[in-house]
Protein backbone atom coordinates (compact mmCIF):
# COMPACT_ATOMS: atom_id res chain seq x y z
CA UNK A 1 110.31 147.95 158.06
CA UNK A 2 107.53 148.62 160.56
CA UNK A 3 103.88 147.53 159.97
CA UNK A 4 101.16 148.85 162.32
CA UNK A 5 97.42 147.94 162.51
CA UNK A 6 94.60 150.34 162.92
CA UNK A 7 90.87 149.03 162.56
CA UNK A 8 88.07 151.12 161.67
CA UNK A 9 84.93 149.55 161.70
CA UNK A 10 85.11 146.13 159.10
CA UNK A 11 88.16 148.18 157.62
CA UNK A 12 91.86 147.07 158.42
CA UNK A 13 94.28 149.62 157.98
CA UNK A 14 97.89 148.89 157.78
CA UNK A 15 100.55 151.44 157.90
CA UNK A 16 104.03 150.80 156.46
CA UNK A 17 106.97 152.62 157.63
CA UNK A 18 110.53 152.30 156.24
CA UNK A 19 112.07 150.89 153.05
CA UNK A 20 110.19 147.77 151.82
CA UNK A 21 113.12 146.43 150.55
CA UNK A 22 115.45 143.10 150.20
CA UNK A 23 116.76 142.62 153.63
CA UNK A 24 113.63 143.18 155.62
CA UNK A 25 113.16 139.88 158.06
CA UNK A 26 111.28 137.47 156.02
CA UNK A 27 109.91 135.83 159.10
CA UNK A 28 108.50 139.40 160.28
CA UNK A 29 106.88 140.11 156.81
CA UNK A 30 105.01 136.54 157.21
CA UNK A 31 103.84 137.00 160.65
CA UNK A 32 102.39 140.56 159.45
CA UNK A 33 100.77 138.87 155.98
CA UNK A 34 99.44 136.21 158.55
CA UNK A 35 97.89 138.60 161.05
CA UNK A 36 96.13 140.50 158.14
CA UNK A 37 94.98 137.12 156.78
CA UNK A 38 93.74 135.81 160.05
CA UNK A 39 92.17 138.86 161.33
CA UNK A 40 88.96 138.37 159.45
CA UNK A 41 88.99 141.73 157.54
CA UNK A 42 87.86 141.64 154.07
CA UNK A 43 88.57 145.36 153.32
CA UNK A 44 92.24 146.25 153.84
CA UNK A 45 93.91 149.38 152.89
CA UNK A 46 97.86 149.42 152.79
CA UNK A 47 98.77 153.04 154.27
CA UNK A 48 102.28 153.89 152.02
CA UNK A 49 102.84 157.54 153.30
CA UNK A 50 105.98 156.57 155.14
CA UNK A 51 107.40 154.10 152.70
CA UNK A 52 110.09 155.67 150.34
CA UNK A 53 111.00 152.79 148.41
CA UNK A 54 109.85 149.35 147.53
CA UNK A 55 111.45 146.44 145.86
CA UNK A 56 110.49 142.67 144.79
CA UNK A 57 110.16 141.74 148.68
CA UNK A 58 107.71 144.53 148.91
CA UNK A 59 105.77 143.62 145.62
CA UNK A 60 105.79 140.06 146.83
CA UNK A 61 103.99 140.82 150.19
CA UNK A 62 101.68 142.88 148.27
CA UNK A 63 100.67 140.10 145.92
CA UNK A 64 100.25 137.65 148.86
CA UNK A 65 98.10 140.10 150.65
CA UNK A 66 95.85 140.54 147.49
CA UNK A 67 95.46 137.08 146.99
CA UNK A 68 94.43 136.27 150.38
CA UNK A 69 91.93 138.98 150.63
CA UNK A 70 90.57 139.66 147.16
CA UNK A 71 90.92 136.24 145.15
CA UNK A 72 90.58 133.81 148.21
CA UNK A 73 88.09 135.79 150.73
CA UNK A 74 86.48 137.93 147.86
CA UNK A 75 87.38 140.99 149.85
CA UNK A 76 88.75 144.53 148.86
CA UNK A 77 92.27 145.82 149.05
CA UNK A 78 93.22 148.83 148.24
CA UNK A 79 96.81 151.33 148.44
CA UNK A 80 96.83 154.74 149.67
CA UNK A 81 99.25 157.70 149.64
CA UNK A 82 102.00 156.30 147.42
CA UNK A 83 104.92 158.23 146.33
CA UNK A 84 106.14 158.87 142.97
CA UNK A 85 109.06 156.26 143.29
CA UNK A 86 106.99 153.51 144.89
CA UNK A 87 104.41 154.10 142.33
CA UNK A 88 107.14 153.62 139.59
CA UNK A 89 107.80 150.01 140.68
CA UNK A 90 104.05 149.41 141.15
CA UNK A 91 103.48 150.55 137.55
CA UNK A 92 106.55 148.47 136.18
CA UNK A 93 105.39 145.27 137.67
CA UNK A 94 101.70 146.09 136.79
CA UNK A 95 100.61 145.91 140.06
CA UNK A 96 98.85 149.19 139.77
CA UNK A 97 96.61 147.67 137.09
CA UNK A 98 95.36 145.04 139.50
CA UNK A 99 95.12 146.81 143.21
CA UNK A 100 93.42 150.31 143.45
CA UNK A 101 95.77 152.83 144.29
CA UNK A 102 94.64 156.16 146.02
CA UNK A 103 96.05 159.27 146.44
CA UNK A 104 95.33 159.51 149.91
CA UNK A 105 94.24 157.44 152.99
CA UNK A 106 90.68 159.25 153.10
CA UNK A 107 90.17 158.58 149.50
CA UNK A 108 90.99 155.00 150.02
CA UNK A 109 88.87 154.51 152.93
CA UNK A 110 85.90 156.04 151.40
CA UNK A 111 86.13 153.47 148.45
CA UNK A 112 86.26 150.69 150.86
CA UNK A 113 82.87 152.07 152.66
CA UNK A 114 81.18 152.91 149.32
CA UNK A 115 81.54 149.12 148.25
CA UNK A 116 79.97 148.09 151.31
CA UNK A 117 76.87 150.65 150.62
CA UNK A 118 76.50 148.84 146.72
CA UNK A 119 76.47 145.45 148.29
């Protein structure tokens, strides 16, 4: 699993690359989660276009990001480009009822930008 960051204005995009599963270095995930939390971004998009699979390790990572961005900071967190297999896991765990999921990155970015215009 590789996580790369990109910033577009006040939006932090993190691209996940690889299987998001047990065995991923926990210290690496913690450091990336801390990087997101400490970035000051209140609008975050997770790009799943290069993630073929997710398990409880990935779900836990997403929940941690959600809590720090949305619950603790009043921000917005969305997922984009989730494949069928990953979506099944997110539906099964009911994460998809809490974190908005968009078909592609552009749709997710548009939703985050629109939320700023509504404020």
